[in-house]
Amino acid sequence: MDPDATQVLTWTGEFASPENPIPEWEADARGRLSTALERLTGPLEDLVARDANEGDTRLLVTDFLSDGLGYNKYDEVTTEYRTRSESVDYGLKVEDSVFALVEVKRCGQDLDTRNLRPARSSAEAEGVEWLLLTNGRAWQAYHMGEPDTPPALVLEVDLLGETEPKAKIDALFHLSRAAVAHGRLETLLKWRQALTGEPLAEVVQSPTVVEAIRAEVRRRTGHVGHVGDFDDVSRALREEVITQRLLG
């Protein structure tokens, strides 16, 4: 295994174990991102310093999509992707199917959800679920969701931000071709959706969580337990912790 992949394995050690090792394809994808970030940070800083135009920003974006995220720029990155209504900056393909539309702004422009309007209309017309918005420095991924609802922000990364490189790579990894092909972007979406009110309220009331809370309360109080203490915890969660609007 190459040094970059070994470094990535170290970074992601909290998620791996001898029984559940990190797959080789994932280590390769993370290693590719590590190398690309190191190589492209200097050019990106130059673009930002001179407030480069959108055309120059697109050149760096193309390199990052290819070198960092692993998309073949000759047949998986379609520039000026045309839909039935208009064109967007890029269409990204995985296994011959466009899974995301990409909107690019110049590197000095702040990103705003209003920038998504053309790509959103095209995505609705084409049945594309994902939108990427970037100015080369900041990368945002949105999921289209239900009709007539605004796209949901699933991840955001600032390539020049103060966040540790390993955290940037861990987030950007989900946008890599390999991660998309292996369903990891979809599982990240499910994670985000599960951390909203009603789904999280269901998790808190699950037997596993109630049992863990019961054990912790016993530890804190020194109480050895009594018949019905599990139900006591469940009732307290419903009446004292979880708001009524989240209870099914």
C-alpha atoms as a PDB file:
ATOM      1  CA  MET A   1       0.000   0.000   0.000  1.00  0.00           C
ATOM      2  CA  ASP A   2       1.351   3.455  -0.862  1.00  0.00           C
ATOM      3  CA  PRO A   3       2.260   6.049   1.828  1.00  0.00           C
ATOM      4  CA  ASP A   4      -0.785   8.236   1.125  1.00  0.00           C
ATOM      5  CA  ALA A   5      -3.131   5.310   1.602  1.00  0.00           C
ATOM      6  CA  THR A   6      -1.339   4.334   4.819  1.00  0.00           C
ATOM      7  CA  GLN A   7      -1.712   7.899   6.109  1.00  0.00           C
ATOM      8  CA  VAL A   8      -5.399   7.863   5.247  1.00  0.00           C
ATOM      9  CA  LEU A   9      -5.831   4.595   7.118  1.00  0.00           C
ATOM     10  CA  THR A  10      -4.332   6.285  10.177  1.00  0.00           C
ATOM     11  CA  TRP A  11      -6.697   9.234   9.791  1.00  0.00           C
ATOM     12  CA  THR A  12      -9.746   6.990   9.609  1.00  0.00           C
ATOM     13  CA  GLY A  13      -8.665   4.588  12.333  1.00  0.00           C
ATOM     14  CA  GLU A  14     -11.653   5.410  14.520  1.00  0.00           C
ATOM     15  CA  PHE A  15     -13.929   4.004  11.814  1.00  0.00           C
ATOM     16  CA  ALA A  16     -11.923   0.853  11.079  1.00  0.00           C
ATOM     17  CA  SER A  17     -11.041  -2.264  13.045  1.00  0.00           C
ATOM     18  CA  PRO A  18      -9.441  -5.657  12.356  1.00  0.00           C
ATOM     19  CA  GLU A  19     -12.963  -7.069  11.983  1.00  0.00           C
ATOM     20  CA  ASN A  20     -14.060  -4.190   9.749  1.00  0.00           C
ATOM     21  CA  PRO A  21     -10.988  -2.896   7.885  1.00  0.00           C
ATOM     22  CA  ILE A  22     -11.191   0.049   5.515  1.00  0.00           C
ATOM     23  CA  PRO A  23     -11.724  -1.266   1.948  1.00  0.00           C
ATOM     24  CA  GLU A  24      -8.849  -0.856  -0.472  1.00  0.00           C
ATOM     25  CA  TRP A  25     -10.987   1.178  -2.874  1.00  0.00           C
ATOM     26  CA  GLU A  26     -11.758   3.642  -0.056  1.00  0.00           C
ATOM     27  CA  ALA A  27      -8.111   3.968   0.942  1.00  0.00           C
ATOM     28  CA  ASP A  28      -7.255   4.630  -2.709  1.00  0.00           C
ATOM     29  CA  ALA A  29      -9.976   7.296  -3.015  1.00  0.00           C
ATOM     30  CA  ARG A  30      -8.870   9.058   0.155  1.00  0.00           C
ATOM     31  CA  GLY A  31      -5.221   8.865  -0.907  1.00  0.00           C
ATOM     32  CA  ARG A  32      -6.110  10.428  -4.260  1.00  0.00           C
ATOM     33  CA  LEU A  33      -7.861  13.277  -2.477  1.00  0.00           C
ATOM     34  CA  SER A  34      -4.914  13.832  -0.168  1.00  0.00           C
ATOM     35  CA  THR A  35      -2.526  14.104  -3.103  1.00  0.00           C
ATOM     36  CA  ALA A  36      -4.852  16.394  -5.081  1.00  0.00           C
ATOM     37  CA  LEU A  37      -5.414  18.770  -2.169  1.00  0.00           C
ATOM     38  CA  GLU A  38      -1.690  19.097  -1.622  1.00  0.00           C
ATOM     39  CA  ARG A  39      -1.061  19.751  -5.315  1.00  0.00           C
ATOM     40  CA  LEU A  40      -3.968  22.120  -5.975  1.00  0.00           C
ATOM     41  CA  THR A  41      -3.887  24.248  -2.805  1.00  0.00           C
ATOM     42  CA  GLY A  42      -1.172  26.555  -4.198  1.00  0.00           C
ATOM     43  CA  PRO A  43      -2.927  27.206  -7.537  1.00  0.00           C
ATOM     44  CA  LEU A  44      -6.221  27.732  -5.694  1.00  0.00           C
ATOM     45  CA  GLU A  45      -4.635  30.298  -3.382  1.00  0.00           C
ATOM     46  CA  ASP A  46      -3.278  32.108  -6.456  1.00  0.00           C
ATOM     47  CA  LEU A  47      -6.740  32.170  -8.059  1.00  0.00           C
ATOM     48  CA  VAL A  48      -8.286  33.616  -4.913  1.00  0.00           C
ATOM     49  CA  ALA A  49      -5.506  36.200  -4.502  1.00  0.00           C
ATOM     50  CA  ARG A  50      -6.077  37.598  -7.983  1.00  0.00           C
ATOM     51  CA  ASP A  51      -9.860  37.177  -7.869  1.00  0.00           C
ATOM     52  CA  ALA A  52      -9.792  35.009 -10.985  1.00  0.00           C
ATOM     53  CA  ASN A  53     -12.765  34.913 -13.314  1.00  0.00           C
ATOM     54  CA  GLU A  54     -15.231  32.048 -13.655  1.00  0.00           C
ATOM     55  CA  GLY A  55     -13.438  30.570 -16.647  1.00  0.00           C
ATOM     56  CA  ASP A  56     -10.165  30.198 -14.763  1.00  0.00           C
ATOM     57  CA  THR A  57     -12.036  28.816 -11.768  1.00  0.00           C
ATOM     58  CA  ARG A  58     -13.577  26.148 -13.982  1.00  0.00           C
ATOM     59  CA  LEU A  59     -10.123  24.961 -15.030  1.00  0.00           C
ATOM     60  CA  LEU A  60      -9.236  24.225 -11.413  1.00  0.00           C
ATOM     61  CA  VAL A  61     -12.651  22.677 -10.768  1.00  0.00           C
ATOM     62  CA  THR A  62     -12.131  20.322 -13.720  1.00  0.00           C
ATOM     63  CA  ASP A  63      -8.750  19.272 -12.332  1.00  0.00           C
ATOM     64  CA  PHE A  64     -10.231  18.655  -8.904  1.00  0.00           C
ATOM     65  CA  LEU A  65     -13.148  16.632 -10.256  1.00  0.00           C
ATOM     66  CA  SER A  66     -10.705  14.490 -12.196  1.00  0.00           C
ATOM     67  CA  ASP A  67      -7.548  14.306 -10.083  1.00  0.00           C
ATOM     68  CA  GLY A  68      -9.165  14.603  -6.662  1.00  0.00           C
ATOM     69  CA  LEU A  69     -12.571  12.988  -6.979  1.00  0.00           C
ATOM     70  CA  GLY A  70     -11.684  10.444  -9.631  1.00  0.00           C
ATOM     71  CA  TYR A  71     -14.083  11.266 -12.474  1.00  0.00           C
ATOM     72  CA  ASN A  72     -12.803  10.616 -15.997  1.00  0.00           C
ATOM     73  CA  LYS A  73     -12.842  14.090 -17.514  1.00  0.00           C
ATOM     74  CA  TYR A  74     -13.278  12.718 -21.022  1.00  0.00           C
ATOM     75  CA  ASP A  75     -16.502  10.798 -20.531  1.00  0.00           C
ATOM     76  CA  GLU A  76     -17.754  11.355 -16.946  1.00  0.00           C
ATOM     77  CA  VAL A  77     -17.389  15.143 -16.684  1.00  0.00           C
ATOM     78  CA  THR A  78     -19.604  16.846 -19.241  1.00  0.00           C
ATOM     79  CA  THR A  79     -18.956  20.594 -19.550  1.00  0.00           C
ATOM     80  CA  GLU A  80     -21.812  22.906 -20.500  1.00  0.00           C
ATOM     81  CA  TYR A  81     -24.204  20.029 -19.871  1.00  0.00           C
ATOM     82  CA  ARG A  82     -27.403  20.726 -21.783  1.00  0.00           C
ATOM     83  CA  THR A  83     -30.835  19.818 -20.501  1.00  0.00           C
ATOM     84  CA  ARG A  84     -34.216  20.326 -22.079  1.00  0.00           C
ATOM     85  CA  SER A  85     -34.468  23.812 -20.558  1.00  0.00           C
ATOM     86  CA  GLU A  86     -30.914  25.208 -20.455  1.00  0.00           C
ATOM     87  CA  SER A  87     -27.288  24.308 -19.795  1.00  0.00           C
ATOM     88  CA  VAL A  88     -25.377  23.962 -16.535  1.00  0.00           C
ATOM     89  CA  ASP A  89     -21.619  24.032 -15.996  1.00  0.00           C
ATOM     90  CA  TYR A  90     -21.101  20.290 -15.544  1.00  0.00           C
ATOM     91  CA  GLY A  91     -22.923  17.010 -15.488  1.00  0.00           C
ATOM     92  CA  LEU A  92     -21.215  14.247 -13.496  1.00  0.00           C
ATOM     93  CA  LYS A  93     -21.700  10.652 -14.586  1.00  0.00           C
ATOM     94  CA  VAL A  94     -21.305   7.391 -12.727  1.00  0.00           C
ATOM     95  CA  GLU A  95     -21.875   4.211 -14.721  1.00  0.00           C
ATOM     96  CA  ASP A  96     -23.188   6.151 -17.744  1.00  0.00           C
ATOM     97  CA  SER A  97     -25.854   7.951 -15.724  1.00  0.00           C
ATOM     98  CA  VAL A  98     -25.766  11.625 -14.680  1.00  0.00           C
ATOM     99  CA  PHE A  99     -26.048  11.627 -10.899  1.00  0.00           C
ATOM    100  CA  ALA A 100     -25.200  15.304 -10.206  1.00  0.00           C
ATOM    101  CA  LEU A 101     -25.232  18.728 -11.843  1.00  0.00           C
ATOM    102  CA  VAL A 102     -22.468  21.174 -10.936  1.00  0.00           C
ATOM    103  CA  GLU A 103     -22.775  24.956 -10.824  1.00  0.00           C
ATOM    104  CA  VAL A 104     -19.483  26.901 -10.740  1.00  0.00           C
ATOM    105  CA  LYS A 105     -19.000  30.502  -9.620  1.00  0.00           C
ATOM    106  CA  ARG A 106     -15.804  32.548  -9.751  1.00  0.00           C
ATOM    107  CA  CYS A 107     -13.425  31.879  -6.874  1.00  0.00           C
ATOM    108  CA  GLY A 108     -14.029  35.220  -5.152  1.00  0.00           C
ATOM    109  CA  GLN A 109     -17.823  34.953  -5.158  1.00  0.00           C
ATOM    110  CA  ASP A 110     -19.634  33.833  -2.014  1.00  0.00           C
ATOM    111  CA  LEU A 111     -21.955  30.905  -2.552  1.00  0.00           C
ATOM    112  CA  ASP A 112     -25.664  31.368  -2.063  1.00  0.00           C
ATOM    113  CA  THR A 113     -28.567  28.972  -2.543  1.00  0.00           C
ATOM    114  CA  ARG A 114     -29.908  31.419  -5.140  1.00  0.00           C
ATOM    115  CA  ASN A 115     -26.965  30.297  -7.293  1.00  0.00           C
ATOM    116  CA  LEU A 116     -28.665  26.896  -7.513  1.00  0.00           C
ATOM    117  CA  ARG A 117     -31.779  28.067  -9.328  1.00  0.00           C
ATOM    118  CA  PRO A 118     -30.712  27.211 -12.903  1.00  0.00           C
ATOM    119  CA  ALA A 119     -29.214  23.860 -11.874  1.00  0.00           C
ATOM    120  CA  ARG A 120     -32.239  23.095  -9.712  1.00  0.00           C
ATOM    121  CA  SER A 121     -34.629  23.648 -12.613  1.00  0.00           C
ATOM    122  CA  SER A 122     -32.497  21.430 -14.820  1.00  0.00           C
ATOM    123  CA  ALA A 123     -32.274  18.741 -12.145  1.00  0.00           C
ATOM    124  CA  GLU A 124     -36.058  18.701 -11.763  1.00  0.00           C
ATOM    125  CA  ALA A 125     -36.480  18.392 -15.525  1.00  0.00           C
ATOM    126  CA  GLU A 126     -33.894  15.611 -15.828  1.00  0.00           C
ATOM    127  CA  GLY A 127     -34.666  13.712 -12.630  1.00  0.00           C
ATOM    128  CA  VAL A 128     -31.182  14.303 -11.189  1.00  0.00           C
ATOM    129  CA  GLU A 129     -31.029  14.003  -7.387  1.00  0.00           C
ATOM    130  CA  TRP A 130     -27.794  15.826  -6.542  1.00  0.00           C
ATOM    131  CA  LEU A 131     -26.496  19.370  -7.028  1.00  0.00           C
ATOM    132  CA  LEU A 132     -22.942  20.554  -6.392  1.00  0.00           C
ATOM    133  CA  LEU A 133     -22.203  24.249  -5.961  1.00  0.00           C
ATOM    134  CA  THR A 134     -18.612  25.476  -5.893  1.00  0.00           C
ATOM    135  CA  ASN A 135     -16.359  28.462  -6.372  1.00  0.00           C
ATOM    136  CA  GLY A 136     -13.299  26.211  -6.423  1.00  0.00           C
ATOM    137  CA  ARG A 137     -12.599  26.914  -2.783  1.00  0.00           C
ATOM    138  CA  ALA A 138     -15.932  26.038  -1.160  1.00  0.00           C
ATOM    139  CA  TRP A 139     -17.759  22.861  -2.164  1.00  0.00           C
ATOM    140  CA  GLN A 140     -21.396  22.269  -1.262  1.00  0.00           C
ATOM    141  CA  ALA A 141     -23.518  19.206  -2.023  1.00  0.00           C
ATOM    142  CA  TYR A 142     -27.315  19.405  -2.033  1.00  0.00           C
ATOM    143  CA  HIS A 143     -29.957  16.700  -2.362  1.00  0.00           C
ATOM    144  CA  MET A 144     -33.083  17.560  -4.327  1.00  0.00           C
ATOM    145  CA  GLY A 145     -35.542  15.718  -2.080  1.00  0.00           C
ATOM    146  CA  GLU A 146     -39.295  16.013  -2.522  1.00  0.00           C
ATOM    147  CA  PRO A 147     -40.899  18.252  -5.182  1.00  0.00           C
ATOM    148  CA  ASP A 148     -41.584  21.846  -4.106  1.00  0.00           C
ATOM    149  CA  THR A 149     -39.093  21.630  -1.235  1.00  0.00           C
ATOM    150  CA  PRO A 150     -35.730  23.430  -1.283  1.00  0.00           C
ATOM    151  CA  PRO A 151     -32.623  21.277  -1.844  1.00  0.00           C
ATOM    152  CA  ALA A 152     -31.089  20.089   1.418  1.00  0.00           C
ATOM    153  CA  LEU A 153     -27.443  20.871   2.166  1.00  0.00           C
ATOM    154  CA  VAL A 154     -25.730  17.542   2.895  1.00  0.00           C
ATOM    155  CA  LEU A 155     -22.084  18.575   3.106  1.00  0.00           C
ATOM    156  CA  GLU A 156     -19.894  21.665   2.814  1.00  0.00           C
ATOM    157  CA  VAL A 157     -16.106  21.923   2.676  1.00  0.00           C
ATOM    158  CA  ASP A 158     -13.769  24.931   2.426  1.00  0.00           C
ATOM    159  CA  LEU A 159     -10.556  23.731   0.803  1.00  0.00           C
ATOM    160  CA  LEU A 160      -8.627  26.696   2.239  1.00  0.00           C
ATOM    161  CA  GLY A 161     -10.380  26.742   5.610  1.00  0.00           C
ATOM    162  CA  GLU A 162      -8.754  26.098   8.967  1.00  0.00           C
ATOM    163  CA  THR A 163     -10.294  22.639   9.285  1.00  0.00           C
ATOM    164  CA  GLU A 164      -7.756  19.828   9.563  1.00  0.00           C
ATOM    165  CA  PRO A 165      -6.910  18.204   6.193  1.00  0.00           C
ATOM    166  CA  LYS A 166      -8.170  14.828   7.417  1.00  0.00           C
ATOM    167  CA  ALA A 167     -11.622  16.339   8.098  1.00  0.00           C
ATOM    168  CA  LYS A 168     -11.723  17.921   4.629  1.00  0.00           C
ATOM    169  CA  ILE A 169     -10.791  14.618   3.024  1.00  0.00           C
ATOM    170  CA  ASP A 170     -13.319  12.719   5.119  1.00  0.00           C
ATOM    171  CA  ALA A 171     -16.118  15.000   3.908  1.00  0.00           C
ATOM    172  CA  LEU A 172     -15.002  15.288   0.268  1.00  0.00           C
ATOM    173  CA  PHE A 173     -14.550  11.526   0.052  1.00  0.00           C
ATOM    174  CA  HIS A 174     -18.344  11.142  -0.152  1.00  0.00           C
ATOM    175  CA  LEU A 175     -18.331  13.085  -3.445  1.00  0.00           C
ATOM    176  CA  SER A 176     -15.678  10.881  -5.032  1.00  0.00           C
ATOM    177  CA  ARG A 177     -16.650   8.644  -7.888  1.00  0.00           C
ATOM    178  CA  ALA A 178     -15.728   5.564  -5.887  1.00  0.00           C
ATOM    179  CA  ALA A 179     -17.848   6.588  -2.897  1.00  0.00           C
ATOM    180  CA  VAL A 180     -20.853   7.421  -5.084  1.00  0.00           C
ATOM    181  CA  ALA A 181     -20.544   4.097  -6.922  1.00  0.00           C
ATOM    182  CA  HIS A 182     -20.413   2.226  -3.589  1.00  0.00           C
ATOM    183  CA  GLY A 183     -23.447   4.048  -2.173  1.00  0.00           C
ATOM    184  CA  ARG A 184     -21.568   6.051   0.441  1.00  0.00           C
ATOM    185  CA  LEU A 185     -23.049   9.413  -0.574  1.00  0.00           C
ATOM    186  CA  GLU A 186     -26.521   7.913  -0.170  1.00  0.00           C
ATOM    187  CA  THR A 187     -25.701   6.586   3.300  1.00  0.00           C
ATOM    188  CA  LEU A 188     -24.393  10.033   4.288  1.00  0.00           C
ATOM    189  CA  LEU A 189     -27.735  11.451   3.161  1.00  0.00           C
ATOM    190  CA  LYS A 190     -29.587   8.901   5.315  1.00  0.00           C
ATOM    191  CA  TRP A 191     -27.391   9.876   8.281  1.00  0.00           C
ATOM    192  CA  ARG A 192     -28.246  13.572   7.832  1.00  0.00           C
ATOM    193  CA  GLN A 193     -31.940  12.773   7.528  1.00  0.00           C
ATOM    194  CA  ALA A 194     -31.829  10.604  10.644  1.00  0.00           C
ATOM    195  CA  LEU A 195     -30.474  13.530  12.679  1.00  0.00           C
ATOM    196  CA  THR A 196     -33.701  15.507  12.386  1.00  0.00           C
ATOM    197  CA  GLY A 197     -36.454  15.782  14.972  1.00  0.00           C
ATOM    198  CA  GLU A 198     -38.835  12.866  14.488  1.00  0.00           C
ATOM    199  CA  PRO A 199     -36.307  10.212  13.386  1.00  0.00           C
ATOM    200  CA  LEU A 200     -33.984  11.137  16.248  1.00  0.00           C
ATOM    201  CA  ALA A 201     -36.868  11.045  18.723  1.00  0.00           C
ATOM    202  CA  GLU A 202     -37.547   7.467  17.575  1.00  0.00           C
ATOM    203  CA  VAL A 203     -33.894   6.565  18.141  1.00  0.00           C
ATOM    204  CA  VAL A 204     -33.918   8.023  21.655  1.00  0.00           C
ATOM    205  CA  GLN A 205     -36.957   5.880  22.520  1.00  0.00           C
ATOM    206  CA  SER A 206     -35.460   2.675  21.127  1.00  0.00           C
ATOM    207  CA  PRO A 207     -34.831  -0.171  23.626  1.00  0.00           C
ATOM    208  CA  THR A 208     -31.058   0.038  23.187  1.00  0.00           C
ATOM    209  CA  VAL A 209     -30.934   3.739  24.076  1.00  0.00           C
ATOM    210  CA  VAL A 210     -33.434   3.464  26.920  1.00  0.00           C
ATOM    211  CA  GLU A 211     -31.400   0.610  28.396  1.00  0.00           C
ATOM    212  CA  ALA A 212     -28.194   2.685  28.154  1.00  0.00           C
ATOM    213  CA  ILE A 213     -29.900   5.644  29.864  1.00  0.00           C
ATOM    214  CA  ARG A 214     -31.266   3.369  32.599  1.00  0.00           C
ATOM    215  CA  ALA A 215     -27.775   1.994  33.258  1.00  0.00           C
ATOM    216  CA  GLU A 216     -26.255   5.501  33.415  1.00  0.00           C
ATOM    217  CA  VAL A 217     -28.967   6.796  35.792  1.00  0.00           C
ATOM    218  CA  ARG A 218     -28.422   3.764  38.012  1.00  0.00           C
ATOM    219  CA  ARG A 219     -24.686   4.487  38.062  1.00  0.00           C
ATOM    220  CA  ARG A 220     -25.197   8.131  38.951  1.00  0.00           C
ATOM    221  CA  THR A 221     -27.741   7.506  41.689  1.00  0.00           C
ATOM    222  CA  GLY A 222     -26.413   4.245  43.137  1.00  0.00           C
ATOM    223  CA  HIS A 223     -29.872   2.712  42.700  1.00  0.00           C
ATOM    224  CA  VAL A 224     -29.704  -1.043  42.036  1.00  0.00           C
ATOM    225  CA  GLY A 225     -32.902  -0.965  40.003  1.00  0.00           C
ATOM    226  CA  HIS A 226     -36.508  -2.048  40.483  1.00  0.00           C
ATOM    227  CA  VAL A 227     -39.291  -3.697  38.505  1.00  0.00           C
ATOM    228  CA  GLY A 228     -40.550  -1.192  35.961  1.00  0.00           C
ATOM    229  CA  ASP A 229     -37.509   1.089  35.921  1.00  0.00           C
ATOM    230  CA  PHE A 230     -37.200   0.628  32.132  1.00  0.00           C
ATOM    231  CA  ASP A 231     -40.750   1.973  31.768  1.00  0.00           C
ATOM    232  CA  ASP A 232     -39.874   4.821  34.132  1.00  0.00           C
ATOM    233  CA  VAL A 233     -37.104   5.925  31.782  1.00  0.00           C
ATOM    234  CA  SER A 234     -39.313   5.607  28.694  1.00  0.00           C
ATOM    235  CA  ARG A 235     -42.066   7.669  30.302  1.00  0.00           C
ATOM    236  CA  ALA A 236     -39.611  10.355  31.467  1.00  0.00           C
ATOM    237  CA  LEU A 237     -38.233  10.687  27.941  1.00  0.00           C
ATOM    238  CA  ARG A 238     -41.731  11.130  26.505  1.00  0.00           C
ATOM    239  CA  GLU A 239     -42.929  13.543  29.178  1.00  0.00           C
ATOM    240  CA  GLU A 240     -39.806  15.480  30.158  1.00  0.00           C
ATOM    241  CA  VAL A 241     -37.339  15.376  27.269  1.00  0.00           C
ATOM    242  CA  ILE A 242     -38.986  14.876  23.859  1.00  0.00           C
ATOM    243  CA  THR A 243     -41.382  17.625  22.778  1.00  0.00           C
ATOM    244  CA  GLN A 244     -44.949  16.585  22.024  1.00  0.00           C
ATOM    245  CA  ARG A 245     -44.698  17.573  18.369  1.00  0.00           C
ATOM    246  CA  LEU A 246     -42.029  14.886  17.835  1.00  0.00           C
ATOM    247  CA  LEU A 247     -43.989  12.054  19.428  1.00  0.00           C
ATOM    248  CA  GLY A 248     -45.769   9.818  16.947  1.00  0.00           C
END
